[in-house]
N, C-alpha and C. Protein backbone atom coordinates (compact mmCIF):
# COMPACT_ATOMS: atom_id res chain seq x y z
N MET A 1 -13.54 16.40 -21.71
CA MET A 1 -13.01 17.86 -21.21
C MET A 1 -12.54 17.62 -19.65
N LYS A 2 -10.98 17.97 -19.62
CA LYS A 2 -10.46 18.27 -18.46
C LYS A 2 -11.05 18.93 -17.46
N ARG A 3 -11.21 18.88 -16.42
CA ARG A 3 -11.56 19.56 -15.04
C ARG A 3 -10.83 19.45 -14.23
N GLY A 4 -10.89 20.61 -12.95
CA GLY A 4 -9.96 20.45 -11.93
C GLY A 4 -11.00 21.02 -10.92
N LEU A 5 -10.77 20.68 -9.50
CA LEU A 5 -11.51 21.03 -8.58
C LEU A 5 -10.60 21.79 -7.65
N ILE A 6 -10.89 23.31 -7.12
CA ILE A 6 -10.05 24.00 -6.31
C ILE A 6 -11.30 24.04 -5.00
N VAL A 7 -10.83 23.55 -3.75
CA VAL A 7 -11.87 23.97 -2.45
C VAL A 7 -10.63 24.37 -1.55
N GLU A 8 -11.24 25.57 -1.03
CA GLU A 8 -10.70 26.46 0.14
C GLU A 8 -10.96 25.75 1.34
N ALA A 9 -10.25 26.50 2.70
CA ALA A 9 -10.44 25.42 3.76
C ALA A 9 -11.74 25.65 4.22
N LYS A 10 -12.17 26.96 4.47
CA LYS A 10 -13.47 26.92 5.02
C LYS A 10 -14.77 26.50 4.38
N ALA A 11 -14.36 26.52 2.87
CA ALA A 11 -15.66 25.63 2.16
C ALA A 11 -15.19 24.06 2.55
N LEU A 12 -14.19 23.51 2.46
CA LEU A 12 -13.69 22.02 2.66
C LEU A 12 -14.65 21.62 4.23
N ALA A 13 -14.52 22.79 5.04
CA ALA A 13 -15.17 22.34 6.93
C ALA A 13 -16.57 22.22 6.45
N LEU A 14 -17.19 23.06 5.53
CA LEU A 14 -18.52 22.89 5.59
C LEU A 14 -18.78 21.85 4.58
N ILE A 15 -18.20 20.89 3.96
CA ILE A 15 -18.30 19.94 3.12
C ILE A 15 -18.41 19.06 4.11
N LEU A 16 -17.29 18.56 4.80
CA LEU A 16 -16.94 17.74 5.71
C LEU A 16 -18.16 17.54 7.04
N SER A 17 -18.82 18.77 7.28
CA SER A 17 -19.90 18.64 8.51
C SER A 17 -20.95 18.27 8.01
N ASP A 18 -21.51 17.86 6.60
CA ASP A 18 -22.77 17.42 6.20
C ASP A 18 -22.36 16.39 5.28
N ILE A 19 -23.41 15.23 5.36
CA ILE A 19 -23.02 13.85 4.75
C ILE A 19 -23.87 14.09 3.30
N GLU A 20 -24.86 15.03 3.25
CA GLU A 20 -25.11 15.31 1.58
C GLU A 20 -24.16 15.96 0.80
N TYR A 21 -23.60 16.89 1.52
CA TYR A 21 -22.13 17.98 1.23
C TYR A 21 -21.25 16.65 0.81
N LYS A 22 -21.06 15.72 1.91
CA LYS A 22 -19.55 14.91 1.47
C LYS A 22 -20.08 13.98 -0.25
N LYS A 23 -21.33 13.43 -0.04
CA LYS A 23 -21.68 12.92 -1.17
C LYS A 23 -21.30 13.69 -2.46
N ASN A 24 -22.10 14.50 -2.26
CA ASN A 24 -21.68 15.76 -3.54
C ASN A 24 -20.35 15.88 -3.86
N PHE A 25 -19.44 16.13 -2.74
CA PHE A 25 -18.40 16.16 -3.06
C PHE A 25 -17.35 15.39 -3.80
N ILE A 26 -17.94 13.94 -3.46
CA ILE A 26 -17.00 12.63 -3.59
C ILE A 26 -17.46 12.73 -5.06
N LYS A 27 -18.50 13.10 -5.52
CA LYS A 27 -19.01 12.73 -7.00
C LYS A 27 -18.54 13.75 -7.90
N ILE A 28 -18.34 14.97 -7.70
CA ILE A 28 -17.59 16.04 -8.08
C ILE A 28 -16.40 15.75 -8.11
N SER A 29 -15.99 15.26 -7.44
CA SER A 29 -14.11 15.15 -7.41
C SER A 29 -13.61 13.83 -8.24
N LYS A 30 -14.20 13.07 -8.30
CA LYS A 30 -14.41 11.40 -8.93
C LYS A 30 -14.48 11.74 -10.25
N SER A 31 -15.22 13.31 -10.85
CA SER A 31 -15.32 13.54 -12.33
C SER A 31 -14.07 14.69 -12.76
N CYS A 32 -13.48 14.82 -11.84
CA CYS A 32 -12.20 15.74 -12.07
C CYS A 32 -10.70 15.07 -12.43
N GLU A 33 -10.13 15.81 -12.92
CA GLU A 33 -8.47 15.16 -13.13
C GLU A 33 -7.84 15.39 -11.62
N ALA A 34 -8.07 16.32 -11.21
CA ALA A 34 -7.03 16.60 -9.94
C ALA A 34 -7.97 17.90 -8.95
N CYS A 35 -7.85 17.28 -7.83
CA CYS A 35 -8.25 18.23 -6.73
C CYS A 35 -7.59 18.91 -5.78
N ILE A 36 -7.44 19.94 -5.76
CA ILE A 36 -6.73 20.63 -5.24
C ILE A 36 -7.26 21.34 -3.62
N CYS A 37 -6.85 21.07 -2.59
CA CYS A 37 -7.17 22.00 -1.63
C CYS A 37 -6.14 22.68 -0.78
N CYS A 38 -6.60 23.77 -0.54
CA CYS A 38 -5.68 25.35 -0.71
C CYS A 38 -5.94 25.56 0.98
N ARG A 39 -4.85 25.73 1.55
CA ARG A 39 -4.65 26.47 2.90
C ARG A 39 -5.60 25.64 3.89
N VAL A 40 -5.55 24.29 3.84
CA VAL A 40 -6.49 23.71 4.70
C VAL A 40 -5.58 22.84 5.92
N SER A 41 -6.14 23.03 6.85
CA SER A 41 -5.65 22.27 8.09
C SER A 41 -4.72 20.88 7.75
N PRO A 42 -3.88 20.33 8.70
CA PRO A 42 -3.62 18.97 8.69
C PRO A 42 -4.93 17.67 8.64
N SER A 43 -5.57 18.21 9.60
CA SER A 43 -6.82 16.90 9.86
C SER A 43 -7.69 17.19 8.50
N GLN A 44 -7.95 18.43 7.95
CA GLN A 44 -8.80 18.27 6.83
C GLN A 44 -8.09 17.51 5.76
N LYS A 45 -6.67 17.62 5.45
CA LYS A 45 -6.20 16.77 4.36
C LYS A 45 -6.60 15.16 4.82
N ALA A 46 -6.25 14.80 5.91
CA ALA A 46 -6.49 13.63 6.12
C ALA A 46 -7.69 13.50 6.43
N ASP A 47 -8.59 14.25 6.51
CA ASP A 47 -10.01 14.07 6.44
C ASP A 47 -10.85 13.51 4.82
N VAL A 48 -10.01 14.07 4.01
CA VAL A 48 -10.09 13.93 2.63
C VAL A 48 -9.82 12.53 1.85
N VAL A 49 -8.45 12.47 2.44
CA VAL A 49 -7.84 11.13 1.95
C VAL A 49 -8.93 9.84 2.43
N ARG A 50 -9.42 10.19 3.91
CA ARG A 50 -10.27 9.33 4.71
C ARG A 50 -11.47 8.98 3.54
N LEU A 51 -12.20 10.03 3.00
CA LEU A 51 -13.46 10.14 2.65
C LEU A 51 -13.21 9.55 1.39
N ILE A 52 -12.31 9.24 0.58
CA ILE A 52 -12.01 8.94 -0.86
C ILE A 52 -11.93 7.85 -0.49
N LYS A 53 -11.00 7.32 0.65
CA LYS A 53 -10.72 6.04 0.79
C LYS A 53 -11.90 5.06 1.24
N ASN A 54 -12.68 5.95 2.09
CA ASN A 54 -13.76 4.77 2.92
C ASN A 54 -15.11 4.96 1.59
N ASP A 55 -15.32 5.41 0.60
CA ASP A 55 -15.89 5.55 -0.33
C ASP A 55 -15.85 4.49 -1.01
N ASP A 56 -14.73 4.31 -1.78
CA ASP A 56 -14.72 3.23 -2.84
C ASP A 56 -13.71 1.99 -2.27
N GLU A 57 -13.88 0.60 -1.97
CA GLU A 57 -13.11 0.10 -1.25
C GLU A 57 -11.73 -0.54 -2.35
N ASN A 58 -11.91 -0.52 -3.51
CA ASN A 58 -11.19 -0.83 -4.19
C ASN A 58 -9.96 0.62 -4.73
N ALA A 59 -10.58 1.56 -4.42
CA ALA A 59 -9.36 2.67 -4.44
C ALA A 59 -8.52 2.98 -3.73
N ILE A 60 -7.15 3.07 -4.34
CA ILE A 60 -6.01 2.65 -3.71
C ILE A 60 -5.56 4.38 -3.16
N THR A 61 -5.14 4.82 -2.50
CA THR A 61 -5.03 6.16 -2.13
C THR A 61 -3.65 6.47 -1.79
N LEU A 62 -2.98 7.66 -2.58
CA LEU A 62 -1.65 8.05 -2.42
C LEU A 62 -1.61 9.42 -1.85
N ALA A 63 -0.86 9.53 -0.68
CA ALA A 63 -0.60 11.15 -0.55
C ALA A 63 0.66 11.35 -0.47
N ILE A 64 1.12 12.55 -1.05
CA ILE A 64 2.44 13.10 -1.45
C ILE A 64 2.63 14.52 -0.07
N GLY A 65 3.57 14.36 0.71
CA GLY A 65 3.87 15.84 1.43
C GLY A 65 5.19 16.02 1.51
N ASP A 66 5.45 17.22 2.01
CA ASP A 66 6.42 17.34 2.26
C ASP A 66 7.13 18.14 3.83
N GLY A 67 6.15 18.18 4.23
CA GLY A 67 6.15 18.85 5.86
C GLY A 67 5.50 18.22 6.66
N ALA A 68 5.82 18.84 7.92
CA ALA A 68 4.88 18.19 9.26
C ALA A 68 3.56 18.11 8.98
N ASN A 69 3.03 19.14 8.72
CA ASN A 69 1.50 19.33 8.49
C ASN A 69 1.06 18.30 7.20
N ASP A 70 1.92 17.82 7.06
CA ASP A 70 1.39 16.58 5.77
C ASP A 70 1.40 15.08 6.64
N VAL A 71 1.91 14.74 7.71
CA VAL A 71 1.85 13.78 8.28
C VAL A 71 0.86 12.66 8.34
N SER A 72 -0.22 13.82 8.96
CA SER A 72 -1.58 13.00 9.29
C SER A 72 -2.14 12.46 7.80
N MET A 73 -1.99 13.22 6.70
CA MET A 73 -2.53 12.79 5.04
C MET A 73 -1.50 11.64 4.88
N ILE A 74 -0.38 11.81 4.87
CA ILE A 74 0.40 10.57 4.92
C ILE A 74 0.39 9.46 5.56
N MET A 75 -0.18 9.61 6.72
CA MET A 75 -0.76 8.34 7.51
C MET A 75 -1.55 7.40 7.08
N GLU A 76 -2.81 8.37 6.64
CA GLU A 76 -4.08 8.15 6.25
C GLU A 76 -4.19 7.41 5.06
N ALA A 77 -3.45 7.70 4.03
CA ALA A 77 -3.38 7.12 2.95
C ALA A 77 -2.69 5.68 2.86
N HIS A 78 -3.24 5.04 1.47
CA HIS A 78 -2.65 3.35 1.82
C HIS A 78 -1.19 3.82 1.59
N ILE A 79 -0.67 5.03 0.26
CA ILE A 79 0.68 4.74 0.25
C ILE A 79 0.99 5.93 0.43
N GLY A 80 1.76 6.37 1.35
CA GLY A 80 2.19 7.92 1.68
C GLY A 80 4.05 7.66 1.16
N VAL A 81 4.15 8.93 0.45
CA VAL A 81 5.21 9.41 0.09
C VAL A 81 5.57 10.87 0.43
N GLY A 82 6.84 10.86 1.18
CA GLY A 82 7.42 11.98 1.61
C GLY A 82 8.19 12.63 0.99
N LEU A 83 8.43 13.98 0.62
CA LEU A 83 9.42 14.64 0.08
C LEU A 83 10.83 15.22 1.09
N TYR A 84 11.65 15.33 0.49
CA TYR A 84 12.87 16.01 1.12
C TYR A 84 12.44 17.58 0.87
N GLY A 85 12.41 18.25 2.37
CA GLY A 85 12.24 19.72 1.53
C GLY A 85 12.54 20.32 3.08
N ASN A 86 12.44 22.13 2.53
CA ASN A 86 12.58 23.00 3.47
C ASN A 86 11.98 22.96 5.32
N GLU A 87 11.19 22.06 4.96
CA GLU A 87 10.22 22.08 6.39
C GLU A 87 10.59 20.73 7.27
N GLY A 88 11.35 20.33 6.86
CA GLY A 88 11.96 19.20 7.73
C GLY A 88 11.95 17.63 7.24
N MET A 89 12.07 16.77 8.16
CA MET A 89 12.13 15.41 7.56
C MET A 89 11.09 14.71 8.06
N ARG A 90 9.81 15.19 8.76
CA ARG A 90 8.83 14.59 9.08
C ARG A 90 7.59 13.61 8.29
N ALA A 91 7.81 14.14 6.94
CA ALA A 91 7.15 13.46 6.12
C ALA A 91 7.88 12.35 5.42
N VAL A 92 9.09 12.56 5.24
CA VAL A 92 9.86 11.79 4.92
C VAL A 92 9.69 10.38 5.78
N GLN A 93 9.74 10.49 7.27
CA GLN A 93 9.74 9.76 8.03
C GLN A 93 8.46 9.00 8.31
N SER A 94 7.55 9.51 8.09
CA SER A 94 6.29 8.92 8.48
C SER A 94 5.77 8.32 6.89
N GLY A 95 6.30 8.42 5.91
CA GLY A 95 6.07 8.11 4.50
C GLY A 95 6.67 6.68 4.14
N ASP A 96 5.62 6.15 3.29
CA ASP A 96 6.58 4.89 2.90
C ASP A 96 7.39 4.86 1.90
N PHE A 97 7.80 5.92 1.04
CA PHE A 97 8.69 6.21 0.23
C PHE A 97 9.15 7.51 0.71
N ALA A 98 10.27 7.76 0.25
CA ALA A 98 10.93 8.88 0.32
C ALA A 98 11.51 9.42 -1.16
N LEU A 99 11.08 10.61 -1.03
CA LEU A 99 11.75 11.31 -2.79
C LEU A 99 12.40 12.53 -2.23
N GLY A 100 13.24 12.77 -3.25
CA GLY A 100 14.22 14.06 -3.31
C GLY A 100 13.31 15.29 -4.21
N GLU A 101 12.86 14.93 -4.91
CA GLU A 101 11.92 15.88 -5.55
C GLU A 101 10.66 15.32 -6.75
N PHE A 102 10.04 16.06 -7.07
CA PHE A 102 8.69 15.30 -7.70
C PHE A 102 9.05 14.83 -9.13
N GLN A 103 9.97 15.01 -9.61
CA GLN A 103 10.41 14.16 -10.90
C GLN A 103 10.40 13.04 -10.75
N PHE A 104 10.85 12.30 -9.72
CA PHE A 104 10.94 10.97 -9.03
C PHE A 104 9.85 10.30 -8.91
N LEU A 105 8.79 11.02 -8.90
CA LEU A 105 7.32 10.17 -8.55
C LEU A 105 7.01 9.49 -9.70
N TRP A 106 7.32 10.03 -11.15
CA TRP A 106 6.90 9.10 -11.99
C TRP A 106 7.39 7.70 -11.99
N ARG A 107 8.83 7.63 -11.73
CA ARG A 107 9.61 6.20 -11.75
C ARG A 107 9.06 5.40 -10.97
N LEU A 108 8.78 6.09 -9.61
CA LEU A 108 7.92 5.09 -8.48
C LEU A 108 6.90 4.65 -8.70
N LEU A 109 6.11 5.23 -9.23
CA LEU A 109 4.50 5.16 -9.53
C LEU A 109 4.47 3.97 -10.92
N LEU A 110 5.03 4.30 -11.96
CA LEU A 110 4.92 3.72 -12.84
C LEU A 110 5.96 2.48 -13.16
N VAL A 111 7.21 2.35 -13.07
CA VAL A 111 8.09 0.98 -12.91
C VAL A 111 8.27 0.59 -11.42
N HIS A 112 8.56 0.95 -10.89
CA HIS A 112 8.75 0.28 -9.40
C HIS A 112 7.22 -0.44 -8.98
N GLY A 113 5.99 0.64 -8.71
CA GLY A 113 4.96 0.03 -8.76
C GLY A 113 4.67 -0.78 -9.11
N ARG A 114 4.60 -1.21 -10.36
CA ARG A 114 4.45 -2.15 -11.55
C ARG A 114 5.49 -3.44 -11.31
N TRP A 115 6.55 -3.09 -10.87
CA TRP A 115 6.99 -4.45 -10.49
C TRP A 115 6.86 -4.90 -9.18
N ALA A 116 6.51 -4.31 -8.08
CA ALA A 116 6.12 -4.65 -6.99
C ALA A 116 5.07 -5.31 -7.10
N TYR A 117 3.60 -4.75 -8.01
CA TYR A 117 2.57 -5.59 -8.14
C TYR A 117 2.66 -6.91 -8.57
N PHE A 118 3.57 -7.15 -9.60
CA PHE A 118 3.94 -8.28 -10.38
C PHE A 118 4.72 -9.39 -9.28
N ARG A 119 5.51 -8.48 -8.49
CA ARG A 119 6.44 -9.44 -7.40
C ARG A 119 5.62 -10.22 -6.63
N ASN A 120 4.61 -9.57 -6.10
CA ASN A 120 3.40 -9.69 -5.45
C ASN A 120 2.53 -10.79 -5.57
N CYS A 121 2.19 -10.47 -6.59
CA CYS A 121 1.49 -12.03 -7.59
C CYS A 121 1.92 -13.09 -7.59
N GLU A 122 3.23 -13.00 -7.84
CA GLU A 122 3.93 -14.31 -8.13
C GLU A 122 4.28 -14.94 -6.66
N LEU A 123 4.44 -13.96 -5.84
CA LEU A 123 4.94 -14.34 -4.69
C LEU A 123 3.72 -15.10 -3.98
N VAL A 124 2.45 -14.83 -3.82
CA VAL A 124 1.43 -15.37 -3.12
C VAL A 124 1.21 -16.29 -3.86
N LEU A 125 1.41 -16.80 -5.19
CA LEU A 125 0.97 -18.23 -5.93
C LEU A 125 1.98 -19.14 -5.46
N TYR A 126 3.42 -18.56 -5.16
CA TYR A 126 4.41 -19.30 -5.26
C TYR A 126 4.29 -19.83 -3.58
N PHE A 127 4.27 -19.06 -2.65
CA PHE A 127 3.96 -19.52 -1.40
C PHE A 127 2.66 -20.60 -1.06
N PHE A 128 1.87 -20.27 -1.62
CA PHE A 128 0.90 -21.18 -1.61
C PHE A 128 1.04 -22.81 -2.15
N TYR A 129 1.67 -22.83 -3.48
CA TYR A 129 2.15 -24.26 -3.90
C TYR A 129 3.30 -24.83 -3.01
N LYS A 130 4.01 -23.79 -2.47
CA LYS A 130 5.31 -24.21 -1.68
C LYS A 130 4.71 -24.55 -0.32
N ASN A 131 3.81 -24.24 0.29
CA ASN A 131 3.05 -24.77 1.42
C ASN A 131 2.08 -26.28 1.10
N LEU A 132 1.27 -25.77 -0.02
CA LEU A 132 0.70 -27.17 -0.75
C LEU A 132 1.43 -28.22 -0.71
N VAL A 133 2.86 -28.20 -1.23
CA VAL A 133 3.75 -29.28 -0.84
C VAL A 133 4.34 -29.68 -0.28
N PHE A 134 4.51 -28.80 1.07
CA PHE A 134 4.83 -29.39 2.26
C PHE A 134 3.90 -30.07 3.12
N THR A 135 2.48 -29.50 3.35
CA THR A 135 1.63 -29.90 4.07
C THR A 135 0.85 -31.38 3.60
N LEU A 136 0.65 -31.41 2.05
CA LEU A 136 -0.24 -32.29 1.79
C LEU A 136 0.50 -33.73 2.12
N PRO A 137 1.51 -33.94 2.18
CA PRO A 137 2.22 -35.44 2.69
C PRO A 137 1.95 -35.50 4.25
N GLN A 138 2.01 -34.32 4.91
CA GLN A 138 1.79 -34.46 6.29
C GLN A 138 0.25 -34.68 6.48
N PHE A 139 -0.86 -34.30 5.43
CA PHE A 139 -2.32 -35.03 6.03
C PHE A 139 -2.02 -36.46 5.49
N MET A 140 -1.65 -36.86 4.56
CA MET A 140 -1.50 -38.43 3.94
C MET A 140 -0.99 -38.96 5.12
N PHE A 141 0.42 -38.83 5.59
CA PHE A 141 0.87 -39.47 6.82
C PHE A 141 -0.09 -39.51 7.68
N SER A 142 -0.42 -38.68 8.43
CA SER A 142 -1.54 -38.48 9.33
C SER A 142 -2.90 -39.55 9.45
N TYR A 143 -3.19 -39.77 8.10
CA TYR A 143 -4.24 -40.90 7.87
C TYR A 143 -3.65 -42.38 8.09
N ILE A 144 -2.49 -42.40 7.66
CA ILE A 144 -1.82 -43.56 7.72
C ILE A 144 -1.39 -43.77 9.07
N ASN A 145 -1.23 -42.76 9.95
CA ASN A 145 -0.68 -42.76 11.11
C ASN A 145 -1.70 -42.66 12.40
N GLY A 146 -2.79 -43.02 11.86
CA GLY A 146 -3.84 -43.10 12.55
C GLY A 146 -4.28 -41.66 13.31
N TYR A 147 -3.61 -40.55 12.62
CA TYR A 147 -4.12 -39.24 13.57
C TYR A 147 -3.17 -39.13 15.20
N SER A 148 -2.10 -39.41 15.15
CA SER A 148 -1.38 -39.53 16.47
C SER A 148 -0.66 -38.15 16.43
N GLY A 149 -0.42 -37.26 15.52
CA GLY A 149 0.24 -36.07 15.64
C GLY A 149 1.49 -36.02 15.08
N GLN A 150 2.05 -37.33 15.02
CA GLN A 150 3.34 -37.22 14.83
C GLN A 150 3.89 -36.64 13.24
N SER A 151 4.84 -36.29 13.07
CA SER A 151 5.15 -35.59 12.00
C SER A 151 6.11 -36.51 11.22
N ILE A 152 5.60 -36.35 9.89
CA ILE A 152 6.61 -37.20 8.79
C ILE A 152 8.07 -36.66 8.47
N TYR A 153 8.08 -35.44 8.88
CA TYR A 153 9.30 -34.78 8.46
C TYR A 153 10.08 -34.86 10.08
N ASP A 154 11.62 -34.47 9.95
CA ASP A 154 12.26 -34.15 10.75
C ASP A 154 12.31 -32.72 11.22
N ASP A 155 12.79 -32.34 12.39
CA ASP A 155 12.72 -30.60 12.39
C ASP A 155 13.74 -30.13 11.97
N PHE A 156 14.80 -30.84 11.56
CA PHE A 156 16.16 -30.20 10.65
C PHE A 156 15.57 -29.77 9.18
N PHE A 157 14.65 -31.01 8.77
CA PHE A 157 14.42 -30.69 7.18
C PHE A 157 12.85 -29.58 7.31
N ILE A 158 11.97 -29.82 8.30
CA ILE A 158 11.28 -28.69 8.32
C ILE A 158 11.89 -27.04 8.07
N THR A 159 13.12 -27.08 9.00
CA THR A 159 13.81 -25.69 8.76
C THR A 159 14.64 -25.53 7.66
N PHE A 160 15.43 -26.19 7.18
CA PHE A 160 15.85 -26.67 5.53
C PHE A 160 14.85 -26.04 4.65
N TYR A 161 13.48 -27.04 4.57
CA TYR A 161 12.82 -26.72 3.65
C TYR A 161 12.33 -25.06 3.25
N ASN A 162 12.37 -24.88 4.80
CA ASN A 162 11.63 -23.61 4.86
C ASN A 162 12.86 -22.44 4.15
N LEU A 163 13.61 -22.71 4.96
CA LEU A 163 15.06 -21.98 4.59
C LEU A 163 15.24 -21.76 2.55
N ALA A 164 15.65 -23.23 2.44
CA ALA A 164 15.94 -23.26 1.04
C ALA A 164 14.80 -22.69 0.05
N PHE A 165 13.57 -23.03 0.35
CA PHE A 165 12.29 -22.57 -0.36
C PHE A 165 11.79 -21.45 -0.10
N THR A 166 12.26 -20.28 0.90
CA THR A 166 11.53 -19.35 1.21
C THR A 166 12.49 -18.35 1.05
N ALA A 167 13.40 -18.46 1.78
CA ALA A 167 14.99 -17.25 1.47
C ALA A 167 15.46 -17.23 0.50
N PHE A 168 16.00 -18.42 -0.08
CA PHE A 168 16.63 -18.36 -1.43
C PHE A 168 16.05 -17.74 -2.54
N PRO A 169 14.69 -18.34 -3.08
CA PRO A 169 14.18 -18.14 -3.97
C PRO A 169 13.45 -16.52 -3.70
N LEU A 170 13.42 -15.48 -2.69
CA LEU A 170 13.37 -14.39 -2.40
C LEU A 170 14.39 -13.69 -2.91
N GLY A 171 15.65 -14.07 -2.42
CA GLY A 171 16.80 -13.20 -2.89
C GLY A 171 17.02 -13.38 -4.05
N ALA A 172 16.98 -14.47 -4.64
CA ALA A 172 17.37 -14.27 -6.18
C ALA A 172 16.12 -13.48 -7.08
N LYS A 173 15.11 -13.54 -6.60
CA LYS A 173 13.75 -12.88 -7.45
C LYS A 173 14.24 -11.19 -6.90
N ALA A 174 14.72 -10.80 -5.90
CA ALA A 174 14.83 -9.43 -5.64
C ALA A 174 16.10 -8.98 -6.22
N VAL A 175 17.22 -10.04 -6.89
CA VAL A 175 18.37 -9.52 -7.29
C VAL A 175 18.25 -9.41 -8.58
N TRP A 176 17.65 -10.26 -9.05
CA TRP A 176 17.53 -10.43 -10.71
C TRP A 176 16.48 -10.05 -11.53
N ASP A 177 15.43 -10.03 -10.74
CA ASP A 177 14.12 -9.55 -11.07
C ASP A 177 14.00 -8.29 -11.96
N GLN A 178 13.66 -8.29 -13.29
CA GLN A 178 13.12 -7.08 -13.91
C GLN A 178 12.26 -7.26 -15.21
N ASP A 179 11.88 -6.26 -16.06
CA ASP A 179 11.09 -6.51 -16.95
C ASP A 179 11.71 -7.06 -18.00
């Protein structure tokens, strides 16, 4: 059964003032499909996001706003999305992403979010192995060299290696990468 939760500003103020109420609010809101906070202040919006974010370390919070009153909520969330709206550009300026309409949110989350996740996973492994290949000969050379601190590589080769194996693969991945 799908459920939703609607909380009004005075009730939310009461919930945020007591620890036991907070625990019950988190428990109830996790069992719902959506939690809507009506007529709440900007600080209350940020407090709700902070409450969910601090409860579960593995949870990733997303805040979407279209005006200056949403800035604190957008800044508190892991991912902030600002919508171009009639209320000004403050939400867009403070968000990680900017959208013209809500309909673009699906593509942002499901397509670009997935691509960003895979790119980050691949690049973390790539940089780990790249640096391993670069530093392992340094450690072997330092053993042979009596740990004198002398480098096996010239400064030009260090710069060229980092340029060739850091900048160029990132550029190629950014240009040609898609599922």
